[in-house]
PDB file of all heavy atoms in Angstrom:
ATOM      1  N   ALA A   1      12.124  -9.262  18.321  1.00  0.00           N
ATOM      2  CA  ALA A   1      12.197  -9.925  19.625  1.00  0.00           C
ATOM      3  C   ALA A   1      11.536  -9.066  20.691  1.00  0.00           C
ATOM      4  O   ALA A   1      11.828  -7.863  20.801  1.00  0.00           O
ATOM      5  CB  ALA A   1      13.653 -10.210  19.990  1.00  0.00           C
ATOM      6  N   PRO A   2      10.658  -9.646  21.521  1.00  0.00           N
ATOM      7  CA  PRO A   2       9.891  -8.856  22.505  1.00  0.00           C
ATOM      8  C   PRO A   2      10.703  -8.528  23.752  1.00  0.00           C
ATOM      9  O   PRO A   2      10.336  -8.909  24.872  1.00  0.00           O
ATOM     10  CB  PRO A   2       8.712  -9.776  22.819  1.00  0.00           C
ATOM     11  CG  PRO A   2       9.270 -11.153  22.679  1.00  0.00           C
ATOM     12  CD  PRO A   2      10.266 -11.074  21.539  1.00  0.00           C
ATOM     13  N   VAL A   3      11.810  -7.831  23.571  1.00  0.00           N
ATOM     14  CA  VAL A   3      12.705  -7.522  24.684  1.00  0.00           C
ATOM     15  C   VAL A   3      11.972  -6.649  25.701  1.00  0.00           C
ATOM     16  O   VAL A   3      11.416  -5.605  25.358  1.00  0.00           O
ATOM     17  CB  VAL A   3      13.976  -6.812  24.183  1.00  0.00           C
ATOM     18  CG1 VAL A   3      14.894  -6.468  25.343  1.00  0.00           C
ATOM     19  CG2 VAL A   3      14.698  -7.685  23.162  1.00  0.00           C
ATOM     20  N   ALA A   4      11.977  -7.082  26.951  1.00  0.00           N
ATOM     21  CA  ALA A   4      11.325  -6.319  28.015  1.00  0.00           C
ATOM     22  C   ALA A   4      12.180  -5.116  28.398  1.00  0.00           C
ATOM     23  O   ALA A   4      13.409  -5.188  28.413  1.00  0.00           O
ATOM     24  CB  ALA A   4      11.092  -7.220  29.224  1.00  0.00           C
ATOM     25  N   ASN A   5      11.529  -3.997  28.677  1.00  0.00           N
ATOM     26  CA  ASN A   5      12.212  -2.772  29.101  1.00  0.00           C
ATOM     27  C   ASN A   5      13.335  -2.411  28.126  1.00  0.00           C
ATOM     28  O   ASN A   5      14.475  -2.134  28.519  1.00  0.00           O
ATOM     29  CB  ASN A   5      12.776  -2.944  30.516  1.00  0.00           C
ATOM     30  CG  ASN A   5      13.270  -1.636  31.113  1.00  0.00           C
ATOM     31  OD1 ASN A   5      12.768  -0.562  30.787  1.00  0.00           O
ATOM     32  ND2 ASN A   5      14.274  -1.702  31.979  1.00  0.00           N
ATOM     33  N   LEU A   6      13.016  -2.420  26.842  1.00  0.00           N
ATOM     34  CA  LEU A   6      14.021  -2.159  25.808  1.00  0.00           C
ATOM     35  C   LEU A   6      14.570  -0.741  25.955  1.00  0.00           C
ATOM     36  O   LEU A   6      13.828   0.236  25.899  1.00  0.00           O
ATOM     37  CB  LEU A   6      13.400  -2.344  24.424  1.00  0.00           C
ATOM     38  CG  LEU A   6      14.334  -2.147  23.226  1.00  0.00           C
ATOM     39  CD1 LEU A   6      15.477  -3.159  23.257  1.00  0.00           C
ATOM     40  CD2 LEU A   6      13.561  -2.265  21.914  1.00  0.00           C
ATOM     41  N   LYS A   7      15.884  -0.651  26.130  1.00  0.00           N
ATOM     42  CA  LYS A   7      16.538   0.641  26.296  1.00  0.00           C
ATOM     43  C   LYS A   7      17.517   0.961  25.177  1.00  0.00           C
ATOM     44  O   LYS A   7      17.845   2.128  24.957  1.00  0.00           O
ATOM     45  CB  LYS A   7      17.275   0.680  27.648  1.00  0.00           C
ATOM     46  CG  LYS A   7      16.357   0.677  28.864  1.00  0.00           C
ATOM     47  CD  LYS A   7      15.479   1.930  28.878  1.00  0.00           C
ATOM     48  CE  LYS A   7      14.603   1.979  30.110  1.00  0.00           C
ATOM     49  NZ  LYS A   7      13.745   3.205  30.127  1.00  0.00           N
ATOM     50  N   LEU A   8      18.003  -0.067  24.482  1.00  0.00           N
ATOM     51  CA  LEU A   8      18.977   0.165  23.410  1.00  0.00           C
ATOM     52  C   LEU A   8      18.715  -0.811  22.277  1.00  0.00           C
ATOM     53  O   LEU A   8      18.709  -2.024  22.483  1.00  0.00           O
ATOM     54  CB  LEU A   8      20.411  -0.011  23.930  1.00  0.00           C
ATOM     55  CG  LEU A   8      21.529   0.074  22.876  1.00  0.00           C
ATOM     56  CD1 LEU A   8      21.560   1.455  22.226  1.00  0.00           C
ATOM     57  CD2 LEU A   8      22.886  -0.258  23.493  1.00  0.00           C
ATOM     58  N   ALA A   9      18.497  -0.269  21.079  1.00  0.00           N
ATOM     59  CA  ALA A   9      18.363  -1.075  19.865  1.00  0.00           C
ATOM     60  C   ALA A   9      19.473  -0.671  18.903  1.00  0.00           C
ATOM     61  O   ALA A   9      19.782   0.519  18.769  1.00  0.00           O
ATOM     62  CB  ALA A   9      16.998  -0.862  19.220  1.00  0.00           C
ATOM     63  N   VAL A  10      20.074  -1.645  18.256  1.00  0.00           N
ATOM     64  CA  VAL A  10      21.200  -1.399  17.350  1.00  0.00           C
ATOM     65  C   VAL A  10      21.005  -2.224  16.088  1.00  0.00           C
ATOM     66  O   VAL A  10      20.634  -3.405  16.165  1.00  0.00           O
ATOM     67  CB  VAL A  10      22.550  -1.780  18.003  1.00  0.00           C
ATOM     68  CG1 VAL A  10      23.708  -1.466  17.063  1.00  0.00           C
ATOM     69  CG2 VAL A  10      22.731  -1.081  19.343  1.00  0.00           C
ATOM     70  N   VAL A  11      21.267  -1.621  14.944  1.00  0.00           N
ATOM     71  CA  VAL A  11      21.357  -2.374  13.695  1.00  0.00           C
ATOM     72  C   VAL A  11      22.686  -2.007  13.048  1.00  0.00           C
ATOM     73  O   VAL A  11      23.018  -0.829  12.887  1.00  0.00           O
ATOM     74  CB  VAL A  11      20.166  -2.087  12.753  1.00  0.00           C
ATOM     75  CG1 VAL A  11      20.037  -0.606  12.425  1.00  0.00           C
ATOM     76  CG2 VAL A  11      20.298  -2.901  11.467  1.00  0.00           C
ATOM     77  N   MET A  12      23.467  -3.028  12.707  1.00  0.00           N
ATOM     78  CA  MET A  12      24.782  -2.811  12.106  1.00  0.00           C
ATOM     79  C   MET A  12      24.747  -3.140  10.624  1.00  0.00           C
ATOM     80  O   MET A  12      24.079  -4.075  10.186  1.00  0.00           O
ATOM     81  CB  MET A  12      25.826  -3.686  12.806  1.00  0.00           C
ATOM     82  CG  MET A  12      26.095  -3.317  14.268  1.00  0.00           C
ATOM     83  SD  MET A  12      26.745  -1.646  14.500  1.00  0.00           S
ATOM     84  CE  MET A  12      28.280  -1.721  13.561  1.00  0.00           C
ATOM     85  N   PHE A  13      25.481  -2.336   9.850  1.00  0.00           N
ATOM     86  CA  PHE A  13      25.667  -2.557   8.414  1.00  0.00           C
ATOM     87  C   PHE A  13      24.310  -2.603   7.705  1.00  0.00           C
ATOM     88  O   PHE A  13      23.968  -3.582   7.039  1.00  0.00           O
ATOM     89  CB  PHE A  13      26.472  -3.833   8.170  1.00  0.00           C
ATOM     90  CG  PHE A  13      27.685  -3.960   9.049  1.00  0.00           C
ATOM     91  CD1 PHE A  13      27.789  -4.966  10.004  1.00  0.00           C
ATOM     92  CD2 PHE A  13      28.724  -3.046   8.950  1.00  0.00           C
ATOM     93  CE1 PHE A  13      28.894  -5.065  10.829  1.00  0.00           C
ATOM     94  CE2 PHE A  13      29.843  -3.143   9.768  1.00  0.00           C
ATOM     95  CZ  PHE A  13      29.936  -4.154  10.704  1.00  0.00           C
ATOM     96  N   ASP A  14      23.532  -1.525   7.842  1.00  0.00           N
ATOM     97  CA  ASP A  14      22.158  -1.527   7.337  1.00  0.00           C
ATOM     98  C   ASP A  14      22.079  -1.525   5.816  1.00  0.00           C
ATOM     99  O   ASP A  14      20.986  -1.685   5.269  1.00  0.00           O
ATOM    100  CB  ASP A  14      21.371  -0.344   7.902  1.00  0.00           C
ATOM    101  CG  ASP A  14      21.939   1.002   7.468  1.00  0.00           C
ATOM    102  OD1 ASP A  14      23.159   1.227   7.659  1.00  0.00           O
ATOM    103  OD2 ASP A  14      21.182   1.832   6.950  1.00  0.00           O
ATOM    104  N   GLY A  15      23.207  -1.372   5.131  1.00  0.00           N
ATOM    105  CA  GLY A  15      23.187  -1.487   3.678  1.00  0.00           C
ATOM    106  C   GLY A  15      23.246  -2.922   3.193  1.00  0.00           C
ATOM    107  O   GLY A  15      23.098  -3.180   1.992  1.00  0.00           O
ATOM    108  N   ASP A  16      23.420  -3.885   4.096  1.00  0.00           N
ATOM    109  CA  ASP A  16      23.515  -5.293   3.720  1.00  0.00           C
ATOM    110  C   ASP A  16      22.131  -5.831   3.357  1.00  0.00           C
ATOM    111  O   ASP A  16      21.166  -5.670   4.108  1.00  0.00           O
ATOM    112  CB  ASP A  16      24.097  -6.105   4.873  1.00  0.00           C
ATOM    113  CG  ASP A  16      24.559  -7.489   4.455  1.00  0.00           C
ATOM    114  OD1 ASP A  16      23.713  -8.257   3.950  1.00  0.00           O
ATOM    115  OD2 ASP A  16      25.742  -7.802   4.632  1.00  0.00           O
ATOM    116  N   GLU A  17      22.029  -6.489   2.215  1.00  0.00           N
ATOM    117  CA  GLU A  17      20.744  -6.999   1.744  1.00  0.00           C
ATOM    118  C   GLU A  17      20.200  -8.126   2.608  1.00  0.00           C
ATOM    119  O   GLU A  17      19.011  -8.447   2.527  1.00  0.00           O
ATOM    120  CB  GLU A  17      20.867  -7.468   0.290  1.00  0.00           C
ATOM    121  CG  GLU A  17      21.106  -6.339  -0.689  1.00  0.00           C
ATOM    122  CD  GLU A  17      21.069  -6.807  -2.128  1.00  0.00           C
ATOM    123  OE1 GLU A  17      20.601  -7.933  -2.381  1.00  0.00           O
ATOM    124  OE2 GLU A  17      21.509  -6.047  -3.007  1.00  0.00           O
ATOM    125  N   SER A  18      21.034  -8.727   3.440  1.00  0.00           N
ATOM    126  CA  SER A  18      20.553  -9.777   4.330  1.00  0.00           C
ATOM    127  C   SER A  18      19.555  -9.247   5.353  1.00  0.00           C
ATOM    128  O   SER A  18      18.803 -10.022   5.944  1.00  0.00           O
ATOM    129  CB  SER A  18      21.725 -10.432   5.068  1.00  0.00           C
ATOM    130  OG  SER A  18      22.631 -11.020   4.177  1.00  0.00           O
ATOM    131  N   LEU A  19      19.530  -7.945   5.556  1.00  0.00           N
ATOM    132  CA  LEU A  19      18.620  -7.346   6.525  1.00  0.00           C
ATOM    133  C   LEU A  19      17.245  -7.063   5.933  1.00  0.00           C
ATOM    134  O   LEU A  19      16.372  -6.544   6.630  1.00  0.00           O
ATOM    135  CB  LEU A  19      19.221  -6.052   7.079  1.00  0.00           C
ATOM    136  CG  LEU A  19      20.514  -6.226   7.884  1.00  0.00           C
ATOM    137  CD1 LEU A  19      21.111  -4.874   8.234  1.00  0.00           C
ATOM    138  CD2 LEU A  19      20.267  -7.031   9.146  1.00  0.00           C
ATOM    139  N   VAL A  20      17.051  -7.404   4.661  1.00  0.00           N
ATOM    140  CA  VAL A  20      15.763  -7.195   4.000  1.00  0.00           C
ATOM    141  C   VAL A  20      15.035  -8.526   3.913  1.00  0.00           C
ATOM    142  O   VAL A  20      15.582  -9.515   3.410  1.00  0.00           O
ATOM    143  CB  VAL A  20      15.949  -6.606   2.588  1.00  0.00           C
ATOM    144  CG1 VAL A  20      14.592  -6.344   1.933  1.00  0.00           C
ATOM    145  CG2 VAL A  20      16.752  -5.315   2.650  1.00  0.00           C
ATOM    146  N   ASN A  21      13.809  -8.559   4.374  1.00  0.00           N
ATOM    147  CA  ASN A  21      12.975  -9.757   4.288  1.00  0.00           C
ATOM    148  C   ASN A  21      12.622 -10.022   2.833  1.00  0.00           C
ATOM    149  O   ASN A  21      12.142  -9.128   2.131  1.00  0.00           O
ATOM    150  CB  ASN A  21      11.702  -9.558   5.120  1.00  0.00           C
ATOM    151  CG  ASN A  21      10.939 -10.848   5.342  1.00  0.00           C
ATOM    152  OD1 ASN A  21      11.215 -11.879   4.725  1.00  0.00           O
ATOM    153  ND2 ASN A  21       9.962 -10.804   6.223  1.00  0.00           N
ATOM    154  N   GLN A  22      12.855 -11.237   2.360  1.00  0.00           N
ATOM    155  CA  GLN A  22      12.569 -11.582   0.969  1.00  0.00           C
ATOM    156  C   GLN A  22      11.137 -12.065   0.769  1.00  0.00           C
ATOM    157  O   GLN A  22      10.767 -12.464  -0.338  1.00  0.00           O
ATOM    158  CB  GLN A  22      13.551 -12.657   0.487  1.00  0.00           C
ATOM    159  CG  GLN A  22      14.999 -12.227   0.541  1.00  0.00           C
ATOM    160  CD  GLN A  22      15.267 -10.944  -0.230  1.00  0.00           C
ATOM    161  OE1 GLN A  22      14.882 -10.817  -1.388  1.00  0.00           O
ATOM    162  NE2 GLN A  22      15.933  -9.987   0.400  1.00  0.00           N
ATOM    163  N   MET A  23      10.338 -12.040   1.809  1.00  0.00           N
ATOM    164  CA  MET A  23       8.929 -12.411   1.735  1.00  0.00           C
ATOM    165  C   MET A  23       8.098 -11.245   2.264  1.00  0.00           C
ATOM    166  O   MET A  23       8.602 -10.351   2.946  1.00  0.00           O
ATOM    167  CB  MET A  23       8.661 -13.682   2.552  1.00  0.00           C
ATOM    168  CG  MET A  23       9.459 -14.890   2.088  1.00  0.00           C
ATOM    169  SD  MET A  23       9.180 -16.331   3.148  1.00  0.00           S
ATOM    170  CE  MET A  23       7.426 -16.612   2.881  1.00  0.00           C
ATOM    171  N   ALA A  24       6.802 -11.263   1.919  1.00  0.00           N
ATOM    172  CA  ALA A  24       5.909 -10.205   2.387  1.00  0.00           C
ATOM    173  C   ALA A  24       5.994 -10.099   3.908  1.00  0.00           C
ATOM    174  O   ALA A  24       6.011 -11.133   4.586  1.00  0.00           O
ATOM    175  CB  ALA A  24       4.472 -10.494   1.953  1.00  0.00           C
ATOM    176  N   PRO A  25       6.120  -8.879   4.426  1.00  0.00           N
ATOM    177  CA  PRO A  25       5.917  -7.570   3.791  1.00  0.00           C
ATOM    178  C   PRO A  25       7.182  -6.915   3.253  1.00  0.00           C
ATOM    179  O   PRO A  25       7.196  -5.701   3.057  1.00  0.00           O
ATOM    180  CB  PRO A  25       5.332  -6.741   4.923  1.00  0.00           C
ATOM    181  CG  PRO A  25       6.035  -7.252   6.141  1.00  0.00           C
ATOM    182  CD  PRO A  25       6.211  -8.731   5.912  1.00  0.00           C
ATOM    183  N   TYR A  26       8.275  -7.667   3.060  1.00  0.00           N
ATOM    184  CA  TYR A  26       9.528  -7.157   2.495  1.00  0.00           C
ATOM    185  C   TYR A  26      10.097  -6.025   3.352  1.00  0.00           C
ATOM    186  O   TYR A  26      10.605  -5.024   2.843  1.00  0.00           O
ATOM    187  CB  TYR A  26       9.303  -6.688   1.050  1.00  0.00           C
ATOM    188  CG  TYR A  26       8.637  -7.720   0.196  1.00  0.00           C
ATOM    189  CD1 TYR A  26       7.277  -7.631  -0.104  1.00  0.00           C
ATOM    190  CD2 TYR A  26       9.335  -8.812  -0.289  1.00  0.00           C
ATOM    191  CE1 TYR A  26       6.640  -8.600  -0.872  1.00  0.00           C
ATOM    192  CE2 TYR A  26       8.710  -9.791  -1.061  1.00  0.00           C
ATOM    193  CZ  TYR A  26       7.359  -9.671  -1.339  1.00  0.00           C
ATOM    194  OH  TYR A  26       6.731 -10.630  -2.094  1.00  0.00           O
ATOM    195  N   ASP A  27      10.039  -6.194   4.659  1.00  0.00           N
ATOM    196  CA  ASP A  27      10.476  -5.170   5.589  1.00  0.00           C
ATOM    197  C   ASP A  27      11.991  -5.204   5.760  1.00  0.00           C
ATOM    198  O   ASP A  27      12.640  -6.223   5.530  1.00  0.00           O
ATOM    199  CB  ASP A  27       9.792  -5.374   6.943  1.00  0.00           C
ATOM    200  CG  ASP A  27       9.925  -6.815   7.427  1.00  0.00           C
ATOM    201  OD1 ASP A  27       9.540  -7.728   6.683  1.00  0.00           O
ATOM    202  OD2 ASP A  27      10.423  -7.030   8.548  1.00  0.00           O
ATOM    203  N   HIS A  28      12.532  -4.078   6.190  1.00  0.00           N
ATOM    204  CA  HIS A  28      13.958  -3.933   6.446  1.00  0.00           C
ATOM    205  C   HIS A  28      14.159  -3.816   7.955  1.00  0.00           C
ATOM    206  O   HIS A  28      13.424  -3.100   8.635  1.00  0.00           O
ATOM    207  CB  HIS A  28      14.483  -2.681   5.746  1.00  0.00           C
ATOM    208  CG  HIS A  28      15.974  -2.592   5.652  1.00  0.00           C
ATOM    209  ND1 HIS A  28      16.791  -2.529   6.773  1.00  0.00           N
ATOM    210  CD2 HIS A  28      16.816  -2.552   4.593  1.00  0.00           C
ATOM    211  CE1 HIS A  28      18.058  -2.456   6.396  1.00  0.00           C
ATOM    212  NE2 HIS A  28      18.099  -2.468   5.082  1.00  0.00           N
ATOM    213  N   ALA A  29      15.154  -4.520   8.484  1.00  0.00           N
ATOM    214  CA  ALA A  29      15.401  -4.498   9.926  1.00  0.00           C
ATOM    215  C   ALA A  29      15.638  -3.082  10.431  1.00  0.00           C
ATOM    216  O   ALA A  29      15.271  -2.747  11.570  1.00  0.00           O
ATOM    217  CB  ALA A  29      16.594  -5.391  10.270  1.00  0.00           C
ATOM    218  N   ARG A  30      16.249  -2.237   9.605  1.00  0.00           N
ATOM    219  CA  ARG A  30      16.457  -0.837  10.020  1.00  0.00           C
ATOM    220  C   ARG A  30      15.125  -0.137  10.264  1.00  0.00           C
ATOM    221  O   ARG A  30      14.946   0.586  11.255  1.00  0.00           O
ATOM    222  CB  ARG A  30      17.233  -0.088   8.939  1.00  0.00           C
ATOM    223  CG  ARG A  30      17.427   1.403   9.239  1.00  0.00           C
ATOM    224  CD  ARG A  30      18.005   2.153   8.050  1.00  0.00           C
ATOM    225  NE  ARG A  30      17.153   2.039   6.885  1.00  0.00           N
ATOM    226  CZ  ARG A  30      17.531   1.487   5.738  1.00  0.00           C
ATOM    227  NH1 ARG A  30      18.745   1.006   5.599  1.00  0.00           N
ATOM    228  NH2 ARG A  30      16.692   1.411   4.723  1.00  0.00           N
ATOM    229  N   GLU A  31      14.157  -0.354   9.377  1.00  0.00           N
ATOM    230  CA  GLU A  31      12.859   0.296   9.527  1.00  0.00           C
ATOM    231  C   GLU A  31      12.099  -0.267  10.726  1.00  0.00           C
ATOM    232  O   GLU A  31      11.355   0.450  11.399  1.00  0.00           O
ATOM    233  CB  GLU A  31      12.037   0.126   8.247  1.00  0.00           C
ATOM    234  CG  GLU A  31      12.719   0.657   7.005  1.00  0.00           C
ATOM    235  CD  GLU A  31      13.126   2.115   7.159  1.00  0.00           C
ATOM    236  OE1 GLU A  31      12.310   2.924   7.645  1.00  0.00           O
ATOM    237  OE2 GLU A  31      14.274   2.457   6.820  1.00  0.00           O
ATOM    238  N   VAL A  32      12.277  -1.549  10.983  1.00  0.00           N
ATOM    239  CA  VAL A  32      11.630  -2.148  12.161  1.00  0.00           C
ATOM    240  C   VAL A  32      12.155  -1.503  13.432  1.00  0.00           C
ATOM    241  O   VAL A  32      11.384  -1.128  14.334  1.00  0.00           O
ATOM    242  CB  VAL A  32      11.851  -3.676  12.194  1.00  0.00           C
ATOM    243  CG1 VAL A  32      11.249  -4.281  13.463  1.00  0.00           C
ATOM    244  CG2 VAL A  32      11.238  -4.333  10.963  1.00  0.00           C
ATOM    245  N   LEU A  33      13.473  -1.323  13.518  1.00  0.00           N
ATOM    246  CA  LEU A  33      14.053  -0.784  14.749  1.00  0.00           C
ATOM    247  C   LEU A  33      13.834   0.718  14.878  1.00  0.00           C
ATOM    248  O   LEU A  33      13.697   1.226  16.002  1.00  0.00           O
ATOM    249  CB  LEU A  33      15.540  -1.117  14.811  1.00  0.00           C
ATOM    250  CG  LEU A  33      15.862  -2.603  15.012  1.00  0.00           C
ATOM    251  CD1 LEU A  33      17.360  -2.815  15.203  1.00  0.00           C
ATOM    252  CD2 LEU A  33      15.113  -3.188  16.197  1.00  0.00           C
ATOM    253  N   THR A  34      13.805   1.468  13.773  1.00  0.00           N
ATOM    254  CA  THR A  34      13.478   2.892  13.895  1.00  0.00           C
ATOM    255  C   THR A  34      12.040   3.059  14.375  1.00  0.00           C
ATOM    256  O   THR A  34      11.747   3.958  15.174  1.00  0.00           O
ATOM    257  CB  THR A  34      13.670   3.623  12.558  1.00  0.00           C
ATOM    258  OG1 THR A  34      12.922   2.967  11.524  1.00  0.00           O
ATOM    259  CG2 THR A  34      15.141   3.663  12.160  1.00  0.00           C
ATOM    260  N   THR A  35      11.153   2.178  13.911  1.00  0.00           N
ATOM    261  CA  THR A  35       9.766   2.225  14.379  1.00  0.00           C
ATOM    262  C   THR A  35       9.684   1.867  15.856  1.00  0.00           C
ATOM    263  O   THR A  35       8.948   2.500  16.628  1.00  0.00           O
ATOM    264  CB  THR A  35       8.896   1.276  13.548  1.00  0.00           C
ATOM    265  OG1 THR A  35       9.019   1.588  12.155  1.00  0.00           O
ATOM    266  CG2 THR A  35       7.430   1.390  13.942  1.00  0.00           C
TER     267      THR A  35
END
């Protein structure tokens, strides 16, 4: 989400498989937010 003036990003329960994209590029929400 293109949040303007992003100051805080949070991902909860990063071991949950629902946070992994099942289609290319198979990204993980945790890796998106750390980036």
